[in-house]
Amino acid sequence: MLGVLSKREIQPQDFTESLGAYRLSDTGRKTFLTAFERKMNDDFTHPVFGYRCTYRRAIELQARLLSRHLQEGIPYKPLALR
């Protein structure tokens, strides 16, 4: 999610400062969450199953694979895209 910074979707004015702590403003938070949802809906070819899926679906698949590993001892392969 560093893309929102490198693409300058979030600007310095999207942060507020209070007592030395910086927080995203409502506008900045909305911008970040919009970018997050956009990323979760991007698709790619899953390296284990070989078919296209969204990042959202991949998280669910990885949770199921981990569950099977923990419950049944089936080898777990972590998702590594880069």
C-alpha atoms as a PDB file:
ATOM      1  CA  MET A   1       0.000   0.000   0.000  1.00  0.00           C
ATOM      2  CA  LEU A   2       3.008   2.249  -0.319  1.00  0.00           C
ATOM      3  CA  GLY A   3       1.670   2.985  -3.781  1.00  0.00           C
ATOM      4  CA  VAL A   4      -0.683   5.593  -2.341  1.00  0.00           C
ATOM      5  CA  LEU A   5       2.380   7.512  -1.194  1.00  0.00           C
ATOM      6  CA  SER A   6       4.560   6.948  -4.251  1.00  0.00           C
ATOM      7  CA  LYS A   7       1.672   7.884  -6.566  1.00  0.00           C
ATOM      8  CA  ARG A   8       0.995  10.889  -4.349  1.00  0.00           C
ATOM      9  CA  GLU A   9      -2.625   9.907  -3.785  1.00  0.00           C
ATOM     10  CA  ILE A  10      -2.136  10.903  -0.157  1.00  0.00           C
ATOM     11  CA  GLN A  11      -0.595  14.312   0.405  1.00  0.00           C
ATOM     12  CA  PRO A  12       0.867  15.937   3.549  1.00  0.00           C
ATOM     13  CA  GLN A  13      -2.372  17.895   4.004  1.00  0.00           C
ATOM     14  CA  ASP A  14      -4.194  14.552   4.404  1.00  0.00           C
ATOM     15  CA  PHE A  15      -2.618  14.228   7.869  1.00  0.00           C
ATOM     16  CA  THR A  16      -3.497  16.022  11.071  1.00  0.00           C
ATOM     17  CA  GLU A  17      -1.147  16.510  14.020  1.00  0.00           C
ATOM     18  CA  SER A  18      -2.196  16.384  17.642  1.00  0.00           C
ATOM     19  CA  LEU A  19       0.189  16.248  20.599  1.00  0.00           C
ATOM     20  CA  GLY A  20       3.052  15.085  18.373  1.00  0.00           C
ATOM     21  CA  ALA A  21       1.071  12.253  16.762  1.00  0.00           C
ATOM     22  CA  TYR A  22       0.059  12.268  13.106  1.00  0.00           C
ATOM     23  CA  ARG A  23      -3.186  10.755  11.883  1.00  0.00           C
ATOM     24  CA  LEU A  24      -4.941  10.523   8.563  1.00  0.00           C
ATOM     25  CA  SER A  25      -7.718  13.044   8.184  1.00  0.00           C
ATOM     26  CA  ASP A  26     -11.172  11.868   7.133  1.00  0.00           C
ATOM     27  CA  THR A  27     -10.306  12.719   3.526  1.00  0.00           C
ATOM     28  CA  GLY A  28      -6.964  10.915   3.733  1.00  0.00           C
ATOM     29  CA  ARG A  29      -8.574   7.855   5.310  1.00  0.00           C
ATOM     30  CA  LYS A  30     -11.193   7.746   2.545  1.00  0.00           C
ATOM     31  CA  THR A  31      -8.464   8.015  -0.100  1.00  0.00           C
ATOM     32  CA  PHE A  32      -6.459   5.202   1.531  1.00  0.00           C
ATOM     33  CA  LEU A  33      -9.462   2.895   1.900  1.00  0.00           C
ATOM     34  CA  THR A  34     -10.482   3.503  -1.717  1.00  0.00           C
ATOM     35  CA  ALA A  35      -6.961   2.540  -2.847  1.00  0.00           C
ATOM     36  CA  PHE A  36      -7.031  -0.503  -0.530  1.00  0.00           C
ATOM     37  CA  GLU A  37     -10.336  -1.713  -2.000  1.00  0.00           C
ATOM     38  CA  ARG A  38      -8.988  -1.164  -5.514  1.00  0.00           C
ATOM     39  CA  LYS A  39      -5.943  -3.326  -4.679  1.00  0.00           C
ATOM     40  CA  MET A  40      -8.043  -6.061  -3.065  1.00  0.00           C
ATOM     41  CA  ASN A  41     -10.079  -6.304  -6.288  1.00  0.00           C
ATOM     42  CA  ASP A  42      -7.013  -6.538  -8.558  1.00  0.00           C
ATOM     43  CA  ASP A  43      -6.491 -10.009  -9.912  1.00  0.00           C
ATOM     44  CA  PHE A  44      -3.423 -12.131 -10.563  1.00  0.00           C
ATOM     45  CA  THR A  45      -2.591 -15.756 -11.315  1.00  0.00           C
ATOM     46  CA  HIS A  46      -2.404 -17.705  -8.063  1.00  0.00           C
ATOM     47  CA  PRO A  47       0.989 -19.497  -7.990  1.00  0.00           C
ATOM     48  CA  VAL A  48      -0.364 -22.614  -6.236  1.00  0.00           C
ATOM     49  CA  PHE A  49      -3.661 -23.119  -8.081  1.00  0.00           C
ATOM     50  CA  GLY A  50      -2.734 -21.574 -11.422  1.00  0.00           C
ATOM     51  CA  TYR A  51      -5.956 -19.624 -11.958  1.00  0.00           C
ATOM     52  CA  ARG A  52      -6.758 -15.943 -11.749  1.00  0.00           C
ATOM     53  CA  CYS A  53      -8.169 -14.612  -8.507  1.00  0.00           C
ATOM     54  CA  THR A  54      -8.398 -11.348  -6.601  1.00  0.00           C
ATOM     55  CA  TYR A  55      -6.208 -10.529  -3.635  1.00  0.00           C
ATOM     56  CA  ARG A  56      -9.344 -10.773  -1.482  1.00  0.00           C
ATOM     57  CA  ARG A  57      -9.960 -14.341  -2.691  1.00  0.00           C
ATOM     58  CA  ALA A  58      -6.267 -15.201  -2.303  1.00  0.00           C
ATOM     59  CA  ILE A  59      -6.386 -14.252   1.390  1.00  0.00           C
ATOM     60  CA  GLU A  60      -9.336 -16.612   1.849  1.00  0.00           C
ATOM     61  CA  LEU A  61      -7.528 -19.400  -0.031  1.00  0.00           C
ATOM     62  CA  GLN A  62      -4.389 -18.958   2.085  1.00  0.00           C
ATOM     63  CA  ALA A  63      -6.447 -19.114   5.277  1.00  0.00           C
ATOM     64  CA  ARG A  64      -8.014 -22.374   4.093  1.00  0.00           C
ATOM     65  CA  LEU A  65      -4.618 -23.823   3.135  1.00  0.00           C
ATOM     66  CA  LEU A  66      -3.196 -22.879   6.542  1.00  0.00           C
ATOM     67  CA  SER A  67      -6.220 -24.429   8.264  1.00  0.00           C
ATOM     68  CA  ARG A  68      -5.710 -27.699   6.377  1.00  0.00           C
ATOM     69  CA  HIS A  69      -2.030 -27.646   7.275  1.00  0.00           C
ATOM     70  CA  LEU A  70      -2.774 -27.169  10.968  1.00  0.00           C
ATOM     71  CA  GLN A  71      -5.610 -29.695  11.099  1.00  0.00           C
ATOM     72  CA  GLU A  72      -4.474 -32.369   8.659  1.00  0.00           C
ATOM     73  CA  GLY A  73      -0.743 -31.831   8.273  1.00  0.00           C
ATOM     74  CA  ILE A  74      -1.010 -31.066   4.542  1.00  0.00           C
ATOM     75  CA  PRO A  75       2.084 -29.081   3.483  1.00  0.00           C
ATOM     76  CA  TYR A  76       1.489 -25.324   3.432  1.00  0.00           C
ATOM     77  CA  LYS A  77       2.942 -23.154   0.688  1.00  0.00           C
ATOM     78  CA  PRO A  78       2.889 -19.434   1.531  1.00  0.00           C
ATOM     79  CA  LEU A  79       1.757 -16.957  -1.088  1.00  0.00           C
ATOM     80  CA  ALA A  80       4.781 -15.078  -2.425  1.00  0.00           C
ATOM     81  CA  LEU A  81       4.179 -12.779  -5.371  1.00  0.00           C
ATOM     82  CA  ARG A  82       7.510 -10.939  -5.550  1.00  0.00           C
END
